[in-house]
N, C-alpha and C. Protein backbone atom coordinates (compact mmCIF):
# COMPACT_ATOMS: atom_id res chain seq x y z
N MET A 1 -53.71 -27.83 14.39
CA MET A 1 -52.54 -27.86 13.55
C MET A 1 -51.93 -26.46 13.51
N GLY A 2 -50.66 -26.36 13.38
CA GLY A 2 -49.86 -25.14 13.48
C GLY A 2 -50.17 -23.96 12.60
N ASN A 3 -49.84 -24.01 11.33
CA ASN A 3 -49.94 -22.85 10.46
C ASN A 3 -50.67 -23.18 9.16
N PRO A 4 -52.00 -23.22 9.23
CA PRO A 4 -52.76 -23.59 8.03
C PRO A 4 -52.71 -22.52 6.94
N ILE A 5 -52.84 -22.96 5.70
CA ILE A 5 -52.98 -22.01 4.59
C ILE A 5 -54.41 -21.51 4.67
N GLN A 6 -54.57 -20.22 4.88
CA GLN A 6 -55.92 -19.68 5.06
C GLN A 6 -56.38 -18.83 3.88
N HIS A 7 -55.50 -18.61 2.91
CA HIS A 7 -55.87 -17.73 1.79
C HIS A 7 -54.96 -18.05 0.60
N VAL A 8 -55.54 -18.05 -0.58
CA VAL A 8 -54.76 -18.25 -1.81
C VAL A 8 -55.01 -17.02 -2.67
N GLU A 9 -53.92 -16.44 -3.14
CA GLU A 9 -54.04 -15.21 -3.91
C GLU A 9 -53.47 -15.38 -5.31
N TRP A 10 -54.27 -14.99 -6.30
CA TRP A 10 -53.81 -14.99 -7.68
C TRP A 10 -53.35 -13.57 -7.98
N ARG A 11 -52.08 -13.40 -8.35
CA ARG A 11 -51.55 -12.08 -8.69
C ARG A 11 -51.49 -11.99 -10.21
N THR A 12 -52.06 -10.91 -10.73
CA THR A 12 -52.18 -10.80 -12.18
C THR A 12 -52.12 -9.35 -12.64
N ARG A 13 -51.82 -9.18 -13.90
CA ARG A 13 -51.83 -7.85 -14.51
C ARG A 13 -53.19 -7.58 -15.17
N ASP A 14 -54.04 -8.61 -15.27
CA ASP A 14 -55.37 -8.45 -15.87
C ASP A 14 -56.40 -9.16 -14.98
N ALA A 15 -56.82 -8.46 -13.93
CA ALA A 15 -57.75 -9.04 -12.95
C ALA A 15 -59.09 -9.41 -13.57
N ALA A 16 -59.60 -8.59 -14.46
CA ALA A 16 -60.91 -8.87 -15.08
C ALA A 16 -60.86 -10.17 -15.88
N ARG A 17 -59.77 -10.38 -16.61
CA ARG A 17 -59.64 -11.60 -17.42
C ARG A 17 -59.60 -12.83 -16.52
N LEU A 18 -58.81 -12.75 -15.43
CA LEU A 18 -58.67 -13.89 -14.52
C LEU A 18 -60.00 -14.17 -13.81
N ARG A 19 -60.69 -13.12 -13.40
CA ARG A 19 -62.00 -13.28 -12.75
C ARG A 19 -62.98 -13.96 -13.71
N ALA A 20 -63.02 -13.50 -14.95
CA ALA A 20 -63.93 -14.09 -15.95
C ALA A 20 -63.57 -15.56 -16.19
N PHE A 21 -62.28 -15.87 -16.24
CA PHE A 21 -61.83 -17.24 -16.48
C PHE A 21 -62.30 -18.16 -15.36
N TYR A 22 -61.98 -17.83 -14.10
CA TYR A 22 -62.34 -18.72 -12.98
C TYR A 22 -63.85 -18.75 -12.76
N SER A 23 -64.52 -17.68 -13.10
CA SER A 23 -65.97 -17.65 -12.99
C SER A 23 -66.61 -18.62 -13.98
N SER A 24 -66.01 -18.75 -15.17
CA SER A 24 -66.57 -19.65 -16.17
C SER A 24 -66.19 -21.12 -15.91
N VAL A 25 -65.09 -21.35 -15.22
CA VAL A 25 -64.63 -22.71 -14.96
C VAL A 25 -65.28 -23.32 -13.71
N PHE A 26 -65.40 -22.52 -12.65
CA PHE A 26 -65.92 -23.01 -11.37
C PHE A 26 -67.12 -22.19 -10.92
N ASP A 27 -67.85 -22.71 -9.95
CA ASP A 27 -68.97 -21.99 -9.35
C ASP A 27 -68.49 -21.15 -8.17
N TRP A 28 -67.50 -20.33 -8.40
CA TRP A 28 -66.96 -19.48 -7.35
C TRP A 28 -67.67 -18.15 -7.38
N GLN A 29 -67.75 -17.52 -6.21
CA GLN A 29 -68.37 -16.21 -6.10
C GLN A 29 -67.27 -15.17 -5.90
N PHE A 30 -67.50 -13.98 -6.46
CA PHE A 30 -66.51 -12.91 -6.40
C PHE A 30 -67.13 -11.66 -5.79
N GLU A 31 -66.31 -10.91 -5.07
CA GLU A 31 -66.78 -9.67 -4.45
C GLU A 31 -65.63 -8.67 -4.46
N ASP A 32 -65.90 -7.47 -4.96
CA ASP A 32 -64.90 -6.40 -4.94
C ASP A 32 -64.90 -5.78 -3.55
N VAL A 33 -63.71 -5.71 -2.94
CA VAL A 33 -63.58 -5.13 -1.60
C VAL A 33 -62.57 -4.00 -1.68
N GLN A 34 -62.95 -2.83 -1.19
CA GLN A 34 -62.05 -1.69 -1.19
C GLN A 34 -61.10 -1.81 -0.02
N MET A 35 -59.81 -1.84 -0.30
CA MET A 35 -58.78 -1.92 0.74
C MET A 35 -57.86 -0.72 0.56
N GLY A 36 -58.20 0.36 1.26
CA GLY A 36 -57.44 1.59 1.09
C GLY A 36 -57.62 2.08 -0.34
N PRO A 37 -56.52 2.38 -1.03
CA PRO A 37 -56.64 2.90 -2.40
C PRO A 37 -56.90 1.82 -3.46
N MET A 38 -56.77 0.56 -3.09
CA MET A 38 -56.93 -0.49 -4.10
C MET A 38 -58.21 -1.30 -3.89
N THR A 39 -58.67 -1.89 -4.98
CA THR A 39 -59.82 -2.79 -4.93
C THR A 39 -59.28 -4.21 -5.02
N TYR A 40 -59.68 -5.05 -4.09
CA TYR A 40 -59.23 -6.44 -4.04
C TYR A 40 -60.43 -7.30 -4.38
N ILE A 41 -60.23 -8.32 -5.19
CA ILE A 41 -61.33 -9.21 -5.56
C ILE A 41 -61.27 -10.45 -4.68
N VAL A 42 -62.25 -10.56 -3.80
CA VAL A 42 -62.32 -11.71 -2.89
C VAL A 42 -63.02 -12.85 -3.63
N MET A 43 -62.45 -14.05 -3.53
CA MET A 43 -63.02 -15.24 -4.17
C MET A 43 -63.49 -16.19 -3.08
N ARG A 44 -64.74 -16.61 -3.18
CA ARG A 44 -65.26 -17.63 -2.27
C ARG A 44 -65.31 -18.92 -3.09
N THR A 45 -64.42 -19.84 -2.72
CA THR A 45 -64.21 -21.02 -3.55
C THR A 45 -64.91 -22.28 -3.07
N GLY A 46 -65.46 -22.29 -1.90
CA GLY A 46 -66.11 -23.50 -1.41
C GLY A 46 -66.38 -23.41 0.06
N ASP A 47 -66.62 -24.57 0.70
CA ASP A 47 -67.00 -24.63 2.10
C ASP A 47 -66.14 -23.74 2.99
N ALA A 48 -64.87 -24.01 3.03
CA ALA A 48 -64.00 -23.21 3.90
C ALA A 48 -62.91 -22.53 3.10
N GLY A 49 -62.92 -22.74 1.79
CA GLY A 49 -61.85 -22.20 0.97
C GLY A 49 -62.14 -20.79 0.50
N GLY A 50 -61.08 -20.04 0.39
CA GLY A 50 -61.24 -18.69 -0.12
C GLY A 50 -59.92 -18.16 -0.61
N GLY A 51 -60.01 -17.07 -1.30
CA GLY A 51 -58.80 -16.45 -1.82
C GLY A 51 -59.13 -15.11 -2.41
N GLY A 52 -58.25 -14.66 -3.28
CA GLY A 52 -58.48 -13.37 -3.88
C GLY A 52 -57.65 -13.16 -5.12
N ILE A 53 -58.02 -12.14 -5.86
CA ILE A 53 -57.26 -11.75 -7.04
C ILE A 53 -56.69 -10.37 -6.76
N TYR A 54 -55.37 -10.28 -6.88
CA TYR A 54 -54.66 -9.02 -6.67
C TYR A 54 -54.20 -8.50 -8.02
N ALA A 55 -54.67 -7.30 -8.38
CA ALA A 55 -54.25 -6.69 -9.63
C ALA A 55 -52.92 -5.98 -9.39
N ILE A 56 -51.87 -6.47 -10.02
CA ILE A 56 -50.54 -5.86 -9.86
C ILE A 56 -50.59 -4.46 -10.47
N PRO A 57 -50.26 -3.44 -9.69
CA PRO A 57 -50.32 -2.07 -10.21
C PRO A 57 -49.35 -1.84 -11.38
N GLU A 58 -49.74 -0.92 -12.25
CA GLU A 58 -48.90 -0.53 -13.39
C GLU A 58 -47.52 -0.09 -12.89
N GLY A 59 -46.47 -0.58 -13.50
CA GLY A 59 -45.11 -0.19 -13.13
C GLY A 59 -44.50 -1.04 -12.03
N ASP A 60 -45.30 -1.89 -11.37
CA ASP A 60 -44.79 -2.77 -10.32
C ASP A 60 -44.20 -4.01 -10.99
N ASN A 61 -43.02 -4.41 -10.58
CA ASN A 61 -42.34 -5.56 -11.19
C ASN A 61 -42.68 -6.89 -10.53
N ALA A 62 -43.66 -6.90 -9.63
CA ALA A 62 -44.03 -8.14 -8.94
C ALA A 62 -44.43 -9.18 -9.97
N PRO A 63 -44.00 -10.43 -9.77
CA PRO A 63 -44.35 -11.47 -10.73
C PRO A 63 -45.81 -11.91 -10.57
N ALA A 64 -46.44 -12.25 -11.67
CA ALA A 64 -47.79 -12.82 -11.63
C ALA A 64 -47.66 -14.26 -11.14
N GLY A 65 -48.71 -14.80 -10.58
CA GLY A 65 -48.69 -16.19 -10.11
C GLY A 65 -49.56 -16.35 -8.89
N ILE A 66 -49.48 -17.52 -8.29
CA ILE A 66 -50.30 -17.84 -7.12
C ILE A 66 -49.43 -17.77 -5.87
N VAL A 67 -49.99 -17.12 -4.85
CA VAL A 67 -49.29 -17.01 -3.57
C VAL A 67 -50.22 -17.55 -2.49
N ASN A 68 -49.75 -18.52 -1.73
CA ASN A 68 -50.49 -19.07 -0.59
C ASN A 68 -50.11 -18.30 0.66
N TYR A 69 -51.08 -18.06 1.53
CA TYR A 69 -50.84 -17.36 2.79
C TYR A 69 -51.05 -18.32 3.96
N ALA A 70 -50.00 -18.51 4.74
CA ALA A 70 -50.09 -19.36 5.94
C ALA A 70 -50.29 -18.46 7.16
N THR A 71 -51.18 -18.86 8.04
CA THR A 71 -51.46 -18.10 9.25
C THR A 71 -50.36 -18.31 10.28
N VAL A 72 -49.89 -17.21 10.85
CA VAL A 72 -48.87 -17.28 11.92
C VAL A 72 -49.27 -16.33 13.04
N ALA A 73 -48.73 -16.58 14.22
CA ALA A 73 -49.02 -15.71 15.37
C ALA A 73 -48.18 -14.44 15.32
N ASP A 74 -46.96 -14.55 14.75
CA ASP A 74 -46.06 -13.39 14.70
C ASP A 74 -45.18 -13.52 13.45
N LEU A 75 -45.03 -12.43 12.72
CA LEU A 75 -44.26 -12.47 11.47
C LEU A 75 -42.75 -12.53 11.70
N GLY A 76 -42.24 -11.75 12.65
CA GLY A 76 -40.79 -11.61 12.86
C GLY A 76 -40.03 -12.93 12.96
N PRO A 77 -40.39 -13.81 13.90
CA PRO A 77 -39.65 -15.07 14.05
C PRO A 77 -39.68 -15.93 12.77
N HIS A 78 -40.80 -15.89 12.04
CA HIS A 78 -40.88 -16.67 10.81
C HIS A 78 -40.00 -16.06 9.71
N GLU A 79 -39.92 -14.73 9.66
CA GLU A 79 -39.04 -14.08 8.68
C GLU A 79 -37.58 -14.48 8.93
N GLU A 80 -37.20 -14.56 10.20
CA GLU A 80 -35.84 -14.99 10.56
C GLU A 80 -35.58 -16.42 10.09
N LYS A 81 -36.56 -17.30 10.29
CA LYS A 81 -36.42 -18.69 9.85
C LYS A 81 -36.34 -18.78 8.33
N ILE A 82 -37.06 -17.92 7.64
CA ILE A 82 -37.05 -17.92 6.17
C ILE A 82 -35.65 -17.58 5.66
N THR A 83 -35.08 -16.50 6.16
CA THR A 83 -33.74 -16.10 5.68
C THR A 83 -32.67 -17.10 6.12
N ALA A 84 -32.80 -17.65 7.33
CA ALA A 84 -31.84 -18.65 7.81
C ALA A 84 -31.91 -19.93 6.97
N GLY A 85 -33.11 -20.24 6.44
CA GLY A 85 -33.27 -21.46 5.64
C GLY A 85 -32.98 -21.28 4.16
N GLY A 86 -32.58 -20.08 3.75
CA GLY A 86 -32.23 -19.86 2.33
C GLY A 86 -33.31 -19.18 1.51
N GLY A 87 -34.39 -18.74 2.18
CA GLY A 87 -35.44 -18.01 1.46
C GLY A 87 -35.14 -16.52 1.45
N THR A 88 -35.96 -15.76 0.71
CA THR A 88 -35.76 -14.32 0.62
C THR A 88 -37.07 -13.60 0.93
N VAL A 89 -37.01 -12.69 1.90
CA VAL A 89 -38.19 -11.89 2.23
C VAL A 89 -38.30 -10.78 1.20
N MET A 90 -39.44 -10.73 0.50
CA MET A 90 -39.65 -9.74 -0.56
C MET A 90 -40.37 -8.50 -0.01
N MET A 91 -41.38 -8.72 0.82
CA MET A 91 -42.15 -7.65 1.45
C MET A 91 -42.34 -8.03 2.90
N SER A 92 -41.95 -7.17 3.81
CA SER A 92 -41.98 -7.51 5.23
C SER A 92 -43.04 -6.72 5.98
N ASN A 93 -43.83 -7.43 6.79
CA ASN A 93 -44.75 -6.81 7.74
C ASN A 93 -45.62 -5.71 7.12
N MET A 94 -46.26 -6.02 6.00
CA MET A 94 -47.13 -5.07 5.30
C MET A 94 -48.50 -5.09 5.96
N GLU A 95 -49.05 -3.91 6.25
CA GLU A 95 -50.34 -3.84 6.94
C GLU A 95 -51.51 -3.71 5.97
N VAL A 96 -52.56 -4.45 6.26
CA VAL A 96 -53.86 -4.27 5.62
C VAL A 96 -54.68 -3.65 6.73
N PRO A 97 -54.89 -2.32 6.68
CA PRO A 97 -55.51 -1.60 7.81
C PRO A 97 -56.80 -2.25 8.32
N GLY A 98 -56.79 -2.49 9.63
CA GLY A 98 -57.95 -3.05 10.29
C GLY A 98 -58.15 -4.54 10.09
N VAL A 99 -57.28 -5.18 9.29
CA VAL A 99 -57.46 -6.60 8.99
C VAL A 99 -56.29 -7.44 9.49
N GLY A 100 -55.06 -7.01 9.20
CA GLY A 100 -53.90 -7.77 9.63
C GLY A 100 -52.63 -7.34 8.92
N TRP A 101 -51.61 -8.22 8.97
CA TRP A 101 -50.31 -7.93 8.37
C TRP A 101 -49.84 -9.15 7.59
N PHE A 102 -49.02 -8.90 6.57
CA PHE A 102 -48.49 -10.01 5.80
C PHE A 102 -47.04 -9.77 5.40
N THR A 103 -46.37 -10.88 5.13
CA THR A 103 -45.01 -10.88 4.62
C THR A 103 -44.99 -11.80 3.41
N VAL A 104 -44.39 -11.34 2.31
CA VAL A 104 -44.27 -12.17 1.12
C VAL A 104 -42.80 -12.56 1.00
N PHE A 105 -42.56 -13.84 0.70
CA PHE A 105 -41.19 -14.31 0.56
C PHE A 105 -41.11 -15.36 -0.54
N THR A 106 -39.88 -15.72 -0.91
CA THR A 106 -39.67 -16.83 -1.83
C THR A 106 -38.87 -17.90 -1.09
N ASP A 107 -39.19 -19.14 -1.40
CA ASP A 107 -38.44 -20.24 -0.79
C ASP A 107 -37.12 -20.41 -1.55
N PRO A 108 -36.24 -21.35 -1.15
CA PRO A 108 -34.95 -21.51 -1.83
C PRO A 108 -35.07 -21.81 -3.33
N ASP A 109 -36.22 -22.34 -3.78
CA ASP A 109 -36.40 -22.60 -5.21
C ASP A 109 -37.01 -21.41 -5.95
N GLY A 110 -37.29 -20.32 -5.24
CA GLY A 110 -37.86 -19.13 -5.86
C GLY A 110 -39.39 -19.11 -5.90
N ASN A 111 -40.03 -20.09 -5.26
CA ASN A 111 -41.50 -20.11 -5.22
C ASN A 111 -42.02 -19.04 -4.25
N PRO A 112 -42.98 -18.23 -4.67
CA PRO A 112 -43.52 -17.22 -3.76
C PRO A 112 -44.46 -17.85 -2.73
N PHE A 113 -44.46 -17.29 -1.55
CA PHE A 113 -45.32 -17.74 -0.46
C PHE A 113 -45.51 -16.55 0.46
N ALA A 114 -46.48 -16.60 1.36
CA ALA A 114 -46.70 -15.46 2.26
C ALA A 114 -47.11 -15.93 3.64
N LEU A 115 -46.89 -15.04 4.59
CA LEU A 115 -47.31 -15.25 5.97
C LEU A 115 -48.46 -14.27 6.24
N TRP A 116 -49.41 -14.66 7.08
CA TRP A 116 -50.52 -13.79 7.42
C TRP A 116 -50.70 -13.77 8.92
N LYS A 117 -50.76 -12.55 9.49
CA LYS A 117 -51.06 -12.39 10.92
C LYS A 117 -52.34 -11.58 11.02
N GLN A 118 -53.37 -12.22 11.55
CA GLN A 118 -54.69 -11.59 11.68
C GLN A 118 -54.68 -10.56 12.79
N SER A 119 -55.29 -9.41 12.55
CA SER A 119 -55.45 -8.39 13.59
C SER A 119 -56.46 -8.91 14.60
N PRO A 120 -56.22 -8.76 15.90
CA PRO A 120 -57.16 -9.26 16.89
C PRO A 120 -58.55 -8.61 16.79
N GLN A 121 -58.61 -7.37 16.28
CA GLN A 121 -59.89 -6.66 16.16
C GLN A 121 -60.63 -7.01 14.88
N ALA A 122 -59.97 -7.66 13.95
CA ALA A 122 -60.57 -7.92 12.64
C ALA A 122 -61.56 -9.08 12.70
N ALA A 123 -62.44 -9.05 11.72
CA ALA A 123 -63.38 -10.17 11.55
C ALA A 123 -62.57 -11.39 11.15
N PRO A 124 -63.15 -12.59 11.27
CA PRO A 124 -62.42 -13.79 10.87
C PRO A 124 -62.05 -13.74 9.40
N PRO A 125 -61.04 -14.51 8.98
CA PRO A 125 -60.66 -14.53 7.58
C PRO A 125 -61.85 -14.85 6.68
N VAL A 126 -61.76 -14.42 5.44
CA VAL A 126 -62.84 -14.59 4.47
C VAL A 126 -63.34 -16.03 4.44
N ALA A 127 -62.44 -16.98 4.42
CA ALA A 127 -62.83 -18.39 4.33
C ALA A 127 -63.70 -18.79 5.53
N THR A 128 -63.34 -18.33 6.73
CA THR A 128 -64.10 -18.67 7.92
C THR A 128 -65.48 -18.03 7.87
N LYS A 129 -65.55 -16.77 7.44
CA LYS A 129 -66.84 -16.09 7.33
C LYS A 129 -67.72 -16.79 6.31
N ALA A 130 -67.13 -17.19 5.19
CA ALA A 130 -67.92 -17.85 4.14
C ALA A 130 -68.48 -19.17 4.66
N ALA A 131 -67.67 -19.92 5.39
CA ALA A 131 -68.12 -21.20 5.92
C ALA A 131 -69.24 -21.00 6.94
N ALA A 132 -69.11 -19.96 7.78
CA ALA A 132 -70.13 -19.70 8.79
C ALA A 132 -71.43 -19.22 8.15
N ALA A 133 -71.31 -18.48 7.07
CA ALA A 133 -72.50 -17.93 6.41
C ALA A 133 -73.23 -18.97 5.57
N LYS A 134 -72.53 -20.02 5.17
CA LYS A 134 -73.11 -20.99 4.25
C LYS A 134 -74.40 -21.65 4.76
N PRO A 135 -74.46 -22.16 6.01
CA PRO A 135 -75.70 -22.79 6.46
C PRO A 135 -76.89 -21.84 6.40
N LYS A 136 -76.69 -20.57 6.78
CA LYS A 136 -77.77 -19.59 6.74
C LYS A 136 -78.20 -19.37 5.29
N LYS A 137 -77.21 -19.22 4.41
CA LYS A 137 -77.48 -19.00 3.00
C LYS A 137 -78.24 -20.19 2.41
N ALA A 138 -77.81 -21.39 2.77
CA ALA A 138 -78.46 -22.60 2.26
C ALA A 138 -79.90 -22.68 2.75
N ALA A 139 -80.12 -22.36 4.02
CA ALA A 139 -81.47 -22.39 4.58
C ALA A 139 -82.37 -21.39 3.87
N LYS A 140 -81.84 -20.19 3.61
CA LYS A 140 -82.62 -19.17 2.89
C LYS A 140 -82.95 -19.66 1.48
N ALA A 141 -81.97 -20.27 0.82
CA ALA A 141 -82.18 -20.76 -0.55
C ALA A 141 -83.25 -21.85 -0.58
N VAL A 142 -83.20 -22.76 0.41
CA VAL A 142 -84.19 -23.84 0.48
C VAL A 142 -85.58 -23.25 0.72
N LYS A 143 -85.67 -22.30 1.65
CA LYS A 143 -86.95 -21.66 1.97
C LYS A 143 -87.50 -20.93 0.73
N LYS A 144 -86.63 -20.23 0.03
CA LYS A 144 -87.03 -19.50 -1.18
C LYS A 144 -87.52 -20.47 -2.25
N ALA A 145 -86.77 -21.56 -2.44
CA ALA A 145 -87.16 -22.57 -3.44
C ALA A 145 -88.49 -23.22 -3.07
N ALA A 146 -88.71 -23.48 -1.79
CA ALA A 146 -89.97 -24.08 -1.33
C ALA A 146 -91.14 -23.14 -1.60
N LYS A 147 -90.95 -21.84 -1.32
CA LYS A 147 -91.99 -20.85 -1.59
C LYS A 147 -92.30 -20.80 -3.07
N LYS A 148 -91.24 -20.79 -3.87
CA LYS A 148 -91.39 -20.71 -5.33
C LYS A 148 -92.15 -21.94 -5.84
N GLU A 149 -91.79 -23.11 -5.31
CA GLU A 149 -92.44 -24.35 -5.73
C GLU A 149 -93.92 -24.35 -5.31
N ALA A 150 -94.20 -23.90 -4.09
CA ALA A 150 -95.58 -23.84 -3.60
C ALA A 150 -96.41 -22.91 -4.47
N LYS A 151 -95.81 -21.78 -4.85
CA LYS A 151 -96.49 -20.82 -5.72
C LYS A 151 -96.79 -21.45 -7.08
N ALA A 152 -95.79 -22.17 -7.62
CA ALA A 152 -95.96 -22.83 -8.92
C ALA A 152 -97.05 -23.89 -8.85
N VAL A 153 -97.07 -24.67 -7.76
CA VAL A 153 -98.08 -25.72 -7.58
C VAL A 153 -99.47 -25.08 -7.50
N LYS A 154 -99.56 -23.99 -6.74
CA LYS A 154 -100.84 -23.29 -6.59
C LYS A 154 -101.31 -22.78 -7.94
N LYS A 155 -100.39 -22.18 -8.70
CA LYS A 155 -100.71 -21.65 -10.02
C LYS A 155 -101.14 -22.79 -10.95
N ALA A 156 -100.39 -23.88 -10.92
CA ALA A 156 -100.71 -25.03 -11.77
C ALA A 156 -102.06 -25.62 -11.39
N THR A 157 -102.32 -25.72 -10.08
CA THR A 157 -103.60 -26.25 -9.60
C THR A 157 -104.74 -25.37 -10.06
N LYS A 158 -104.54 -24.05 -9.92
CA LYS A 158 -105.55 -23.09 -10.34
C LYS A 158 -105.80 -23.23 -11.84
N GLY A 159 -104.70 -23.33 -12.59
CA GLY A 159 -104.80 -23.50 -14.05
C GLY A 159 -105.48 -24.81 -14.41
N THR A 160 -105.15 -25.86 -13.66
CA THR A 160 -105.73 -27.18 -13.91
C THR A 160 -107.23 -27.15 -13.64
N LYS A 161 -107.63 -26.53 -12.53
CA LYS A 161 -109.06 -26.43 -12.19
C LYS A 161 -109.79 -25.67 -13.29
N LYS A 162 -109.20 -24.56 -13.72
CA LYS A 162 -109.79 -23.74 -14.75
C LYS A 162 -109.93 -24.54 -16.04
N ALA A 163 -108.86 -25.25 -16.40
CA ALA A 163 -108.86 -26.06 -17.62
C ALA A 163 -109.89 -27.19 -17.52
N ALA A 164 -109.99 -27.80 -16.34
CA ALA A 164 -110.95 -28.90 -16.14
C ALA A 164 -112.38 -28.38 -16.27
N LYS A 165 -112.64 -27.22 -15.70
CA LYS A 165 -113.97 -26.62 -15.77
C LYS A 165 -114.32 -26.31 -17.23
N LYS A 166 -113.36 -25.73 -17.95
CA LYS A 166 -113.55 -25.39 -19.35
C LYS A 166 -113.79 -26.66 -20.17
N ALA A 167 -112.96 -27.69 -19.91
CA ALA A 167 -113.08 -28.96 -20.63
C ALA A 167 -114.43 -29.62 -20.34
N THR A 168 -114.87 -29.53 -19.09
CA THR A 168 -116.16 -30.12 -18.71
C THR A 168 -117.30 -29.43 -19.45
N LYS A 169 -117.25 -28.10 -19.51
CA LYS A 169 -118.29 -27.35 -20.23
C LYS A 169 -118.28 -27.72 -21.70
N LYS A 170 -117.09 -27.79 -22.28
CA LYS A 170 -116.93 -28.12 -23.69
C LYS A 170 -117.46 -29.53 -23.97
N ALA A 171 -117.09 -30.46 -23.09
CA ALA A 171 -117.53 -31.86 -23.25
C ALA A 171 -119.05 -31.97 -23.11
N ALA A 172 -119.60 -31.21 -22.19
CA ALA A 172 -121.05 -31.23 -21.99
C ALA A 172 -121.76 -30.70 -23.23
N LYS A 173 -121.25 -29.61 -23.80
CA LYS A 173 -121.84 -29.05 -25.02
C LYS A 173 -121.75 -30.05 -26.15
N LYS A 174 -120.56 -30.68 -26.28
CA LYS A 174 -120.32 -31.65 -27.35
C LYS A 174 -121.26 -32.85 -27.18
N ALA A 175 -121.39 -33.30 -25.96
CA ALA A 175 -122.27 -34.45 -25.69
C ALA A 175 -123.73 -34.09 -25.92
N ALA A 176 -124.10 -32.86 -25.68
CA ALA A 176 -125.49 -32.41 -25.84
C ALA A 176 -125.87 -32.28 -27.32
N LYS A 177 -124.94 -32.02 -28.18
CA LYS A 177 -125.22 -31.84 -29.61
C LYS A 177 -125.95 -33.04 -30.22
N PRO A 178 -125.45 -34.27 -30.11
CA PRO A 178 -126.16 -35.40 -30.71
C PRO A 178 -127.55 -35.60 -30.09
N VAL A 179 -127.66 -35.32 -28.80
CA VAL A 179 -128.94 -35.48 -28.12
C VAL A 179 -129.93 -34.47 -28.71
N LYS A 180 -129.49 -33.23 -28.88
CA LYS A 180 -130.34 -32.19 -29.45
C LYS A 180 -130.72 -32.55 -30.88
N LYS A 181 -129.72 -33.06 -31.63
CA LYS A 181 -129.94 -33.44 -33.02
C LYS A 181 -130.99 -34.57 -33.10
N ALA A 182 -130.86 -35.54 -32.21
CA ALA A 182 -131.80 -36.67 -32.18
C ALA A 182 -133.17 -36.21 -31.74
N ALA A 183 -133.22 -35.21 -30.91
CA ALA A 183 -134.50 -34.72 -30.39
C ALA A 183 -135.25 -33.88 -31.42
N LYS A 184 -134.61 -33.30 -32.42
CA LYS A 184 -135.24 -32.45 -33.42
C LYS A 184 -136.37 -33.17 -34.18
N PRO A 185 -136.16 -34.39 -34.75
CA PRO A 185 -137.25 -35.05 -35.47
C PRO A 185 -138.44 -35.33 -34.56
N ALA A 186 -138.15 -35.69 -33.30
CA ALA A 186 -139.25 -35.98 -32.36
C ALA A 186 -140.02 -34.72 -32.07
N LYS A 187 -139.35 -33.60 -31.97
CA LYS A 187 -139.96 -32.33 -31.69
C LYS A 187 -140.84 -31.91 -32.87
N LYS A 188 -140.33 -32.14 -34.11
CA LYS A 188 -141.06 -31.83 -35.32
C LYS A 188 -142.32 -32.68 -35.42
N ALA A 189 -142.16 -33.93 -35.06
CA ALA A 189 -143.31 -34.87 -35.13
C ALA A 189 -144.40 -34.44 -34.15
N ARG A 190 -144.06 -33.99 -33.03
CA ARG A 190 -145.01 -33.58 -32.01
C ARG A 190 -145.79 -32.34 -32.49
N LYS A 191 -145.10 -31.45 -33.20
CA LYS A 191 -145.71 -30.23 -33.66
C LYS A 191 -146.80 -30.54 -34.71
N LYS A 192 -146.64 -31.58 -35.48
CA LYS A 192 -147.59 -31.92 -36.55
C LYS A 192 -148.78 -32.51 -35.96
């Protein structure tokens, strides 16, 4: 398929609040990534989904909201189509060093949207990396859980054996008491 949405970005003036909100609502993972002078919060939202939280700098008039990024091979021809179709290019051909370039625009209704061109030298987009890493992560988690369970079973078995041994000794002592008690008169009689 032509130009998939490969990234969803939440733009906000309070990144910590938004991160805390989505963290409490969904099982998403967050990672702070240094991108030049700014810190970007990468969100891993699921199997192949991903996005990020962009903290709008103080004094910047950019509107808060959600911006989807569609992957394109080249920004220029798409920017021409945007303006020809009644959209407005807000930021053109902005570079994320070592990663790629993006253009932010609004459609004829004023909805923000963006284009993304991946640098050929860059690692795959966050969503692709997260999806590729998931099977390894899941295997590690299963292995860790199995080890933990085996340890717990071993501990429980050890505890059970110990408890059984203790209970057996206690039961033997308890059972021996009436026998000893019954044997006392016979022992006394023998002594006489």
